[in-house]
């Protein structure tokens, strides 16, 4: 019995008898969702950089292709699946163009819509419930700023896996649910929060035995990954080093203002789902798992109080299902005005944000980074390493030059980080042990060129000039590093010869 056709267990929320799904109909539905997702992600097929996360992942992928090791030679505070996915795509295509990766992201988005449609059809039972759920999800997933909606980011690849884990849990399969969620966690750590609704489902299915089965099935793949990558380095970079990242001490006011702004944009883009959800409350006893899933996603979005737009994507799968529950009851579906209102509130924001993605251009920071990348490619050999002092992994990716250090941005040592004000930049906010790694790497494979991004404008200069970091300033002085060129305000440094 497949995931699609398995009956819901006694703790499930499905009142109607489950229908067997015709595989051919599922393929048709998937192809429809894929066509819609492709249309909504048209801007993604250009080789533009929407999000620095993509450039960081692409830089890691280039390093992995050259035989470097994850968490040793190339490091980020993220799990291993997506960097290796990027590397595999680059290897297969023979190019580091971002387009093919975004094709996979489009497939992942369509697959998430399909899985939600499968669950909606079984759970709600009325005609076209699955189709409407999938379409509402796709529209809402587009209604974000381009850097969040169009990029091949971690959340896009995590969501079909977490959704699959929930479907297994709903069908009373805690072992499959746990193993699938482990894969999702190895894609992005925040997936682990879905253990909350899965624990509820496991308890409903098999009581204590279900909880134990879920825990073991979840833990084993994570432990295997730790064995493969090395216990210390894996847990350091995937889990323990994130404590500082989650720290919001001293920035509460700044973070809350950012959160209000980002939440406002999310509510605007997902207005159809947000307005339908209250109507689902009267059927809450049927959907306890979905409400727990939504509550867990809210926690994941708010953790660390950084409020990046793409974090909100995690809210969409449970919101889509609850929204369609609300649409089918009291029932609003029988009221023409309600259907028209939902369609307008779903389509208009998606169309507006799609238009923004089509007409927008690379921002100033990205243009500067790509210009520096062109200079680096023209003035270094492919086997030489370079250092970018700043938050611009686009330089490494676009020049196809490997970093001299394991970090594709220097935020690990400068304390510079998204979602935080300039007051939270400084050596005291560096990741513990990162300076030792940084300096050791400079000794092991010194760069032939340094791009000092802090000179690009005054805003950057106030964040992280080398003068604020004595260890790096001494390194520059000892090597006789001096300016040999300026590219869009970025100082290009070379060491003293002889």
Protein backbone atom coordinates (compact mmCIF):
# COMPACT_ATOMS: atom_id res chain seq x y z
CA UNK A 1 0.00 0.00 0.00
CA UNK A 2 1.48 3.35 -1.06
CA UNK A 3 1.75 6.62 0.76
CA UNK A 4 -1.03 7.91 -1.46
CA UNK A 5 -3.51 5.10 -0.87
CA UNK A 6 -2.78 4.13 2.74
CA UNK A 7 -5.79 4.75 5.00
CA UNK A 8 -5.49 7.28 7.77
CA UNK A 9 -5.16 5.77 11.23
CA UNK A 10 -7.72 6.21 13.98
CA UNK A 11 -5.96 9.33 15.20
CA UNK A 12 -6.19 10.93 11.77
CA UNK A 13 -8.39 13.75 10.71
CA UNK A 14 -10.11 12.20 7.70
CA UNK A 15 -13.85 11.62 8.05
CA UNK A 16 -14.58 10.36 4.57
CA UNK A 17 -13.62 6.95 3.28
CA UNK A 18 -10.27 7.28 1.48
CA UNK A 19 -10.34 7.08 -2.28
CA UNK A 20 -7.82 5.15 -4.26
CA UNK A 21 -5.81 7.51 -6.42
CA UNK A 22 -5.31 6.75 -10.09
CA UNK A 23 -1.55 7.13 -10.79
CA UNK A 24 -2.29 8.57 -14.21
CA UNK A 25 -4.45 11.28 -12.63
CA UNK A 26 -1.66 12.08 -10.20
CA UNK A 27 0.75 12.50 -13.11
CA UNK A 28 -1.67 14.83 -14.85
CA UNK A 29 -2.04 16.84 -11.65
CA UNK A 30 1.72 16.98 -11.18
CA UNK A 31 2.29 18.13 -14.75
CA UNK A 32 -0.34 20.83 -14.25
CA UNK A 33 1.33 22.01 -11.07
CA UNK A 34 4.72 21.89 -12.78
CA UNK A 35 3.43 24.03 -15.64
CA UNK A 36 2.01 26.58 -13.20
CA UNK A 37 5.18 26.56 -11.08
CA UNK A 38 7.30 27.04 -14.20
CA UNK A 39 5.21 29.99 -15.31
CA UNK A 40 5.40 31.55 -11.84
CA UNK A 41 9.17 31.02 -11.68
CA UNK A 42 10.07 32.26 -15.16
CA UNK A 43 12.53 34.85 -13.78
CA UNK A 44 14.43 32.04 -12.03
CA UNK A 45 15.67 30.62 -15.32
CA UNK A 46 17.97 33.57 -15.93
CA UNK A 47 21.48 33.30 -14.55
CA UNK A 48 20.86 36.11 -12.09
CA UNK A 49 21.68 36.04 -8.40
CA UNK A 50 18.54 36.63 -6.38
CA UNK A 51 19.93 35.62 -3.03
CA UNK A 52 23.48 35.45 -1.65
CA UNK A 53 22.60 32.04 -0.21
CA UNK A 54 22.63 30.74 -3.78
CA UNK A 55 26.08 32.22 -4.42
CA UNK A 56 27.35 30.74 -1.15
CA UNK A 57 25.98 27.31 -2.08
CA UNK A 58 27.44 27.61 -5.59
CA UNK A 59 30.84 28.49 -4.12
CA UNK A 60 30.66 25.47 -1.82
CA UNK A 61 29.68 23.29 -4.76
CA UNK A 62 32.69 24.48 -6.74
CA UNK A 63 34.93 23.58 -3.80
CA UNK A 64 33.35 20.13 -3.43
CA UNK A 65 33.86 19.45 -7.13
CA UNK A 66 37.56 20.23 -6.62
CA UNK A 67 37.72 17.52 -3.95
CA UNK A 68 37.44 19.68 -0.84
CA UNK A 69 35.61 18.38 2.23
CA UNK A 70 32.43 19.78 3.68
CA UNK A 71 32.80 21.17 7.23
CA UNK A 72 36.59 21.11 6.91
CA UNK A 73 37.64 22.87 3.71
CA UNK A 74 34.33 24.59 2.96
CA UNK A 75 32.01 25.55 5.77
CA UNK A 76 28.58 26.99 6.41
CA UNK A 77 26.16 26.63 9.31
CA UNK A 78 23.89 24.45 7.22
CA UNK A 79 23.29 20.70 6.72
CA UNK A 80 24.89 18.80 3.82
CA UNK A 81 22.10 17.95 1.37
CA UNK A 82 21.76 21.21 -0.57
CA UNK A 83 25.50 21.90 -1.10
CA UNK A 84 25.90 18.40 -2.54
CA UNK A 85 22.74 18.87 -4.62
CA UNK A 86 24.27 22.00 -6.17
CA UNK A 87 27.56 20.15 -6.75
CA UNK A 88 25.78 17.24 -8.43
CA UNK A 89 23.93 19.58 -10.78
CA UNK A 90 27.14 21.42 -11.66
CA UNK A 91 28.90 18.11 -12.35
CA UNK A 92 26.09 16.75 -14.52
CA UNK A 93 25.64 19.94 -16.53
CA UNK A 94 29.35 20.77 -16.72
CA UNK A 95 28.50 24.35 -15.75
CA UNK A 96 28.01 26.40 -12.62
CA UNK A 97 25.04 28.20 -14.14
CA UNK A 98 22.27 28.58 -11.55
CA UNK A 99 19.49 27.85 -14.07
CA UNK A 100 19.59 24.03 -13.79
CA UNK A 101 19.51 24.23 -9.98
CA UNK A 102 16.45 26.39 -10.21
CA UNK A 103 14.83 23.82 -12.50
CA UNK A 104 15.18 21.38 -9.59
CA UNK A 105 13.73 24.02 -7.27
CA UNK A 106 10.73 24.32 -9.60
CA UNK A 107 10.28 20.54 -9.53
CA UNK A 108 10.48 20.61 -5.72
CA UNK A 109 7.83 23.34 -5.58
CA UNK A 110 5.49 21.37 -7.86
CA UNK A 111 6.09 18.19 -5.84
CA UNK A 112 5.15 19.99 -2.61
CA UNK A 113 1.93 21.15 -4.27
CA UNK A 114 1.19 17.59 -5.40
CA UNK A 115 1.72 16.09 -1.94
CA UNK A 116 -0.56 18.71 -0.43
CA UNK A 117 -3.16 17.95 -3.09
CA UNK A 118 -3.01 14.23 -2.28
CA UNK A 119 -3.62 14.94 1.40
CA UNK A 120 -6.39 17.47 0.68
CA UNK A 121 -8.24 15.01 -1.55
CA UNK A 122 -8.14 12.29 1.09
CA UNK A 123 -8.83 14.57 4.04
CA UNK A 124 -11.64 16.73 2.70
CA UNK A 125 -13.22 14.43 0.13
CA UNK A 126 -14.92 17.06 -1.99
CA UNK A 127 -14.27 17.49 -5.69
CA UNK A 128 -11.25 19.57 -6.69
CA UNK A 129 -10.03 19.96 -3.09
CA UNK A 130 -6.61 18.71 -4.15
CA UNK A 131 -6.40 20.93 -7.21
CA UNK A 132 -7.37 24.05 -5.25
CA UNK A 133 -4.92 23.26 -2.44
CA UNK A 134 -2.01 22.85 -4.84
CA UNK A 135 -2.83 26.02 -6.76
CA UNK A 136 -3.25 28.09 -3.60
CA UNK A 137 0.12 26.84 -2.38
CA UNK A 138 1.85 27.72 -5.67
CA UNK A 139 0.34 31.20 -5.72
CA UNK A 140 1.32 31.89 -2.12
CA UNK A 141 4.85 30.56 -2.69
CA UNK A 142 5.28 33.13 -5.47
CA UNK A 143 4.00 36.09 -3.44
CA UNK A 144 7.35 36.95 -1.88
CA UNK A 145 10.12 39.30 -2.91
CA UNK A 146 12.20 37.82 -5.77
CA UNK A 147 15.17 37.00 -3.53
CA UNK A 148 12.85 34.76 -1.47
CA UNK A 149 10.42 33.40 -4.07
CA UNK A 150 12.65 32.86 -7.09
CA UNK A 151 15.87 31.60 -5.52
CA UNK A 152 16.83 27.94 -5.16
CA UNK A 153 17.04 28.24 -1.40
CA UNK A 154 17.08 25.71 1.41
CA UNK A 155 13.38 25.98 2.23
CA UNK A 156 12.31 25.14 -1.33
CA UNK A 157 14.15 21.81 -1.17
CA UNK A 158 13.12 21.11 2.42
CA UNK A 159 9.36 21.58 2.01
CA UNK A 160 8.52 18.55 -0.17
CA UNK A 161 10.43 16.36 2.27
CA UNK A 162 8.75 17.72 5.39
CA UNK A 163 5.38 17.46 3.65
CA UNK A 164 6.15 13.84 2.76
CA UNK A 165 7.08 13.16 6.39
CA UNK A 166 3.74 14.57 7.51
CA UNK A 167 1.86 12.42 5.02
CA UNK A 168 3.60 9.32 6.37
CA UNK A 169 2.77 10.38 9.92
CA UNK A 170 -0.88 11.00 9.08
CA UNK A 171 -1.06 7.50 7.60
CA UNK A 172 0.25 5.93 10.80
CA UNK A 173 3.79 5.20 9.59
CA UNK A 174 6.10 6.67 12.25
CA UNK A 175 9.21 4.88 10.98
CA UNK A 176 8.86 6.28 7.47
CA UNK A 177 7.88 9.67 8.90
CA UNK A 178 10.94 9.82 11.15
CA UNK A 179 13.39 8.79 8.43
CA UNK A 180 11.88 11.26 5.96
CA UNK A 181 12.00 14.09 8.48
CA UNK A 182 15.64 13.25 9.17
CA UNK A 183 16.34 13.82 5.47
CA UNK A 184 14.49 17.13 5.71
CA UNK A 185 16.60 18.13 8.72
CA UNK A 186 19.73 17.29 6.75
CA UNK A 187 18.38 19.76 4.19
CA UNK A 188 17.60 22.52 6.71
CA UNK A 189 17.74 22.34 10.50
CA UNK A 190 14.39 24.04 11.08
CA UNK A 191 12.65 20.96 9.67
CA UNK A 192 13.27 19.32 13.05
CA UNK A 193 10.41 21.33 14.54
CA UNK A 194 7.98 19.14 12.57
CA UNK A 195 8.74 16.46 15.16
CA UNK A 196 6.01 18.15 17.23
CA UNK A 197 3.04 17.22 14.98
CA UNK A 198 4.70 13.92 14.08
CA UNK A 199 4.99 13.00 17.75
CA UNK A 200 1.28 13.68 18.15
CA UNK A 201 0.49 11.49 15.13
CA UNK A 202 2.83 8.72 16.33
CA UNK A 203 1.12 8.75 19.73
CA UNK A 204 -2.31 8.56 18.10
CA UNK A 205 -1.18 5.66 15.92
CA UNK A 206 0.78 3.46 18.37
CA UNK A 207 1.12 5.29 21.66
CA UNK A 208 4.54 4.90 23.28
CA UNK A 209 5.71 2.41 20.68
CA UNK A 210 4.99 4.93 17.96
CA UNK A 211 7.00 7.62 19.73
CA UNK A 212 9.98 5.32 20.17
CA UNK A 213 9.81 4.23 16.54
CA UNK A 214 9.64 7.84 15.37
CA UNK A 215 12.60 8.86 17.54
CA UNK A 216 14.82 6.00 16.40
CA UNK A 217 13.92 6.43 12.72
CA UNK A 218 14.68 10.13 12.98
CA UNK A 219 17.93 9.85 14.92
CA UNK A 220 19.61 7.11 12.89
CA UNK A 221 20.06 9.01 9.58
CA UNK A 222 21.32 12.08 11.44
CA UNK A 223 23.85 9.97 13.34
CA UNK A 224 24.96 8.27 10.12
CA UNK A 225 25.55 11.71 8.57
CA UNK A 226 27.60 12.66 11.64
CA UNK A 227 29.72 9.54 11.19
CA UNK A 228 30.30 10.30 7.51
CA UNK A 229 31.30 13.95 8.03
CA UNK A 230 32.93 13.55 11.43
CA UNK A 231 31.13 13.98 14.74
CA UNK A 232 32.86 17.14 15.90
CA UNK A 233 32.74 19.12 12.67
CA UNK A 234 29.24 17.99 11.71
CA UNK A 235 27.61 18.86 15.02
CA UNK A 236 29.65 22.04 15.36
CA UNK A 237 28.58 23.55 12.07
CA UNK A 238 25.08 22.09 11.76
CA UNK A 239 23.89 22.49 15.34
CA UNK A 240 26.09 23.90 18.12
CA UNK A 241 27.53 26.92 16.26
CA UNK A 242 24.00 28.17 15.63
CA UNK A 243 23.52 29.17 19.26
CA UNK A 244 25.10 32.55 18.57
CA UNK A 245 23.07 32.87 15.37
CA UNK A 246 19.87 32.43 17.39
CA UNK A 247 20.93 34.95 20.03
CA UNK A 248 18.81 38.11 19.88
CA UNK A 249 20.05 39.75 23.06
CA UNK A 250 20.29 43.53 22.72
CA UNK A 251 18.53 43.74 19.34
CA UNK A 252 14.94 43.06 20.34
CA UNK A 253 13.56 46.37 19.12
CA UNK A 254 15.36 46.14 15.77
CA UNK A 255 14.29 42.52 15.32
CA UNK A 256 10.66 43.21 16.15
CA UNK A 257 10.48 46.08 13.67
CA UNK A 258 11.95 43.80 11.03
CA UNK A 259 9.51 41.06 12.02
CA UNK A 260 6.51 43.37 11.74
CA UNK A 261 7.62 44.49 8.29
CA UNK A 262 8.28 40.98 6.96
CA UNK A 263 5.12 39.58 8.52
CA UNK A 264 3.11 42.36 6.92
CA UNK A 265 4.45 41.47 3.49
CA UNK A 266 3.73 37.80 4.14
CA UNK A 267 0.13 38.50 5.20
CA UNK A 268 -0.35 40.56 2.05
CA UNK A 269 1.05 37.88 -0.23
CA UNK A 270 -0.83 35.03 1.45
CA UNK A 271 -4.05 36.93 2.10
CA UNK A 272 -6.28 34.22 0.61
CA UNK A 273 -4.95 31.55 2.97
CA UNK A 274 -4.76 33.82 6.00
CA UNK A 275 -8.40 34.90 5.64
CA UNK A 276 -9.62 31.33 5.11
CA UNK A 277 -7.86 29.83 8.11
CA UNK A 278 -10.29 31.20 10.76
CA UNK A 279 -13.11 29.34 9.01
CA UNK A 280 -11.15 26.12 9.56
CA UNK A 281 -11.14 26.59 13.33
CA UNK A 282 -14.64 25.14 13.77
CA UNK A 283 -13.28 21.83 12.42
CA UNK A 284 -10.14 21.95 14.57
CA UNK A 285 -10.83 18.59 16.23
CA UNK A 286 -10.40 16.99 12.80
CA UNK A 287 -7.16 18.82 12.05
CA UNK A 288 -5.16 18.82 15.27
CA UNK A 289 -2.09 17.66 13.35
CA UNK A 290 -2.35 20.56 10.90
CA UNK A 291 -2.72 23.14 13.67
CA UNK A 292 0.31 21.66 15.44
CA UNK A 293 2.20 21.77 12.15
CA UNK A 294 1.30 25.43 11.69
CA UNK A 295 2.25 26.30 15.28
CA UNK A 296 5.60 24.53 14.86
CA UNK A 297 6.25 26.46 11.64
CA UNK A 298 5.53 29.74 13.42
CA UNK A 299 8.17 28.83 16.01
CA UNK A 300 10.64 28.00 13.22
CA UNK A 301 10.04 31.34 11.51
CA UNK A 302 10.49 33.29 14.74
CA UNK A 303 13.51 31.41 16.10
CA UNK A 304 16.42 33.82 16.44
CA UNK A 305 14.20 36.80 15.50
CA UNK A 306 15.82 37.28 12.09
CA UNK A 307 12.66 37.12 9.97
CA UNK A 308 14.11 36.56 6.52
CA UNK A 309 11.33 36.42 3.94
CA UNK A 310 12.11 32.89 2.81
CA UNK A 311 11.67 31.62 6.38
CA UNK A 312 7.93 32.23 5.96
CA UNK A 313 7.73 29.61 3.21
CA UNK A 314 7.57 27.02 6.01
CA UNK A 315 4.12 28.29 6.96
CA UNK A 316 2.58 27.60 3.57
CA UNK A 317 1.98 23.80 3.55
CA UNK A 318 -0.16 23.71 6.72
CA UNK A 319 -1.75 27.04 5.81
CA UNK A 320 -2.76 25.70 2.38
CA UNK A 321 -4.48 22.66 3.88
CA UNK A 322 -6.19 24.64 6.63
CA UNK A 323 -7.23 27.28 4.11
CA UNK A 324 -8.96 24.69 1.95
CA UNK A 325 -10.61 23.24 5.04
CA UNK A 326 -11.96 26.73 5.69
CA UNK A 327 -13.06 27.11 2.07
CA UNK A 328 -15.09 23.89 2.28
CA UNK A 329 -16.76 24.79 5.55
CA UNK A 330 -19.28 26.49 6.42
CA UNK A 331 -19.29 25.89 3.25
CA UNK A 332 -17.89 28.98 1.64
CA UNK A 333 -17.33 27.00 -1.53
CA UNK A 334 -21.05 27.19 -2.36
CA UNK A 335 -20.96 30.98 -2.27
CA UNK A 336 -19.83 32.48 -5.55
CA UNK A 337 -18.59 35.69 -3.96
CA UNK A 338 -16.33 33.72 -1.63
CA UNK A 339 -14.77 31.72 -4.45
CA UNK A 340 -14.16 34.87 -6.50
CA UNK A 341 -12.66 36.66 -3.49
CA UNK A 342 -10.30 33.76 -2.75
CA UNK A 343 -9.22 33.58 -6.40
CA UNK A 344 -8.53 37.33 -6.53
CA UNK A 345 -6.66 37.34 -3.21
CA UNK A 346 -4.50 34.44 -4.40
CA UNK A 347 -3.81 35.49 -7.99
CA UNK A 348 -3.30 39.25 -7.65
CA UNK A 349 -0.44 39.17 -5.09
CA UNK A 350 1.28 36.34 -7.00
CA UNK A 351 0.99 38.28 -10.27
CA UNK A 352 2.30 41.47 -8.67
CA UNK A 353 5.32 39.78 -7.15
CA UNK A 354 5.98 37.88 -10.39
CA UNK A 355 5.92 41.19 -12.26
CA UNK A 356 8.35 42.61 -9.71
CA UNK A 357 10.69 39.66 -10.27
CA UNK A 358 10.55 40.08 -14.05
CA UNK A 359 11.19 43.82 -14.05
CA UNK A 360 13.67 44.06 -11.19
CA UNK A 361 17.42 44.10 -11.70
CA UNK A 362 20.35 43.04 -9.58
CA UNK A 363 20.77 45.33 -6.59
CA UNK A 364 23.81 47.55 -6.12
CA UNK A 365 25.66 45.10 -3.87
CA UNK A 366 25.23 42.26 -6.36
CA UNK A 367 26.36 44.41 -9.30
CA UNK A 368 29.47 45.43 -7.39
CA UNK A 369 30.23 41.81 -6.43
CA UNK A 370 29.85 40.60 -10.03
CA UNK A 371 32.09 43.40 -11.30
CA UNK A 372 34.73 42.39 -8.75
CA UNK A 373 34.29 38.77 -9.83
CA UNK A 374 35.02 39.73 -13.44
CA UNK A 375 38.20 41.53 -12.34
CA UNK A 376 39.32 38.55 -10.24
CA UNK A 377 38.75 36.13 -13.12
CA UNK A 378 40.78 38.33 -15.48
CA UNK A 379 43.72 38.86 -13.12
CA UNK A 380 44.21 35.43 -11.53
CA UNK A 381 44.74 31.87 -12.73
CA UNK A 382 42.11 29.15 -12.12
CA UNK A 383 44.44 27.33 -9.71
CA UNK A 384 45.02 30.41 -7.55
CA UNK A 385 43.04 31.28 -4.45
CA UNK A 386 41.62 34.65 -3.48
CA UNK A 387 40.04 36.20 -0.41
CA UNK A 388 36.93 38.35 -0.30
CA UNK A 389 36.86 40.41 2.88
CA UNK A 390 33.12 40.92 3.18
CA UNK A 391 29.70 39.43 2.50
CA UNK A 392 29.98 38.74 -1.23
CA UNK A 393 30.16 35.04 -2.17
CA UNK A 394 29.07 36.15 -5.65
CA UNK A 395 32.71 37.11 -6.28
CA UNK A 396 33.91 33.53 -5.80
CA UNK A 397 31.06 32.00 -7.81
CA UNK A 398 31.24 34.38 -10.76
CA UNK A 399 35.07 34.26 -10.98
CA UNK A 400 35.23 30.48 -10.42
CA UNK A 401 38.08 30.99 -7.98
CA UNK A 402 38.29 29.06 -4.73
CA UNK A 403 38.34 30.93 -1.42
CA UNK A 404 41.63 31.02 0.46
CA UNK A 405 39.66 30.24 3.62
CA UNK A 406 36.89 27.78 4.42
CA UNK A 407 34.28 30.52 4.71
CA UNK A 408 32.68 32.03 1.60
CA UNK A 409 31.89 35.17 3.62
CA UNK A 410 33.87 36.73 6.45
CA UNK A 411 30.80 37.18 8.63
CA UNK A 412 32.00 34.22 10.66
CA UNK A 413 34.95 36.31 11.89
CA UNK A 414 33.56 39.85 11.64
CA UNK A 415 30.20 39.14 13.23
CA UNK A 416 28.37 40.62 10.23
CA UNK A 417 25.07 38.82 9.82
CA UNK A 418 21.71 39.34 8.15
CA UNK A 419 18.84 40.51 10.30
CA UNK A 420 21.12 42.36 12.69
CA UNK A 421 22.02 46.09 12.98
CA UNK A 422 25.55 47.53 12.64
CA UNK A 423 25.80 47.63 16.43
CA UNK A 424 26.01 43.83 16.40
CA UNK A 425 29.10 43.74 14.16
CA UNK A 426 32.49 43.20 15.74
CA UNK A 427 35.08 40.60 16.63
CA UNK A 428 33.26 39.81 19.86
CA UNK A 429 30.39 38.44 17.75
CA UNK A 430 32.59 36.11 15.71
CA UNK A 431 31.79 32.39 15.75
CA UNK A 432 33.83 30.68 18.46
CA UNK A 433 37.00 29.22 16.95
CA UNK A 434 36.42 30.82 13.55
CA UNK A 435 39.44 33.13 13.81
CA UNK A 436 41.74 30.15 14.43
CA UNK A 437 40.34 28.44 11.33
CA UNK A 438 40.53 31.63 9.28
CA UNK A 439 44.20 32.35 10.08
CA UNK A 440 45.21 28.70 9.69
CA UNK A 441 43.67 28.65 6.22
CA UNK A 442 45.51 31.83 5.22
CA UNK A 443 48.77 30.15 6.21
CA UNK A 444 47.93 26.88 4.42
CA UNK A 445 46.93 28.40 1.08
CA UNK A 446 47.55 32.14 1.02
CA UNK A 447 45.54 34.24 -1.44
CA UNK A 448 47.14 36.00 -4.37
CA UNK A 449 44.56 38.77 -4.20
CA UNK A 450 42.21 40.25 -1.60
CA UNK A 451 39.03 42.12 -2.45
CA UNK A 452 38.25 44.43 0.45
CA UNK A 453 34.50 44.91 0.09
CA UNK A 454 34.35 47.18 3.15
CA UNK A 455 35.64 50.09 1.05
CA UNK A 456 32.73 49.98 -1.41
CA UNK A 457 30.74 52.62 0.49
CA UNK A 458 30.47 54.25 3.88
CA UNK A 459 27.72 51.92 5.07
CA UNK A 460 29.96 48.91 4.59
CA UNK A 461 32.99 50.73 5.98
CA UNK A 462 31.16 51.28 9.24
CA UNK A 463 30.53 47.56 9.49
CA UNK A 464 33.82 45.75 9.09
CA UNK A 465 36.96 47.67 8.05
CA UNK A 466 40.13 45.59 8.64
CA UNK A 467 41.24 48.18 11.22
CA UNK A 468 38.57 46.85 13.59
CA UNK A 469 40.10 43.36 13.48
CA UNK A 470 43.70 43.47 14.77
CA UNK A 471 44.55 39.91 13.74
CA UNK A 472 43.63 40.52 10.12
CA UNK A 473 45.22 43.97 10.10
CA UNK A 474 48.51 42.44 11.29
CA UNK A 475 48.25 39.81 8.54
CA UNK A 476 47.93 42.57 5.94
CA UNK A 477 50.84 44.53 7.40
CA UNK A 478 53.16 41.51 7.57
CA UNK A 479 52.42 40.60 3.96
CA UNK A 480 52.82 44.14 2.69
CA UNK A 481 49.34 44.03 1.17
CA UNK A 482 48.66 47.20 -0.80
CA UNK A 483 45.98 48.53 -3.14
CA UNK A 484 46.63 47.86 -6.83
CA UNK A 485 43.17 48.66 -8.22
CA UNK A 486 39.71 49.84 -7.30
CA UNK A 487 36.61 48.20 -8.79
CA UNK A 488 33.34 50.03 -8.09
CA UNK A 489 34.79 51.28 -4.82
CA UNK A 490 36.20 47.89 -3.79
CA UNK A 491 39.91 47.97 -2.96
CA UNK A 492 41.86 45.20 -4.71
CA UNK A 493 44.96 44.26 -2.67
CA UNK A 494 48.13 42.44 -3.67
CA UNK A 495 50.99 41.31 -1.39
CA UNK A 496 54.48 42.76 -1.47
CA UNK A 497 56.67 41.00 -4.04
CA UNK A 498 59.92 39.41 -2.85
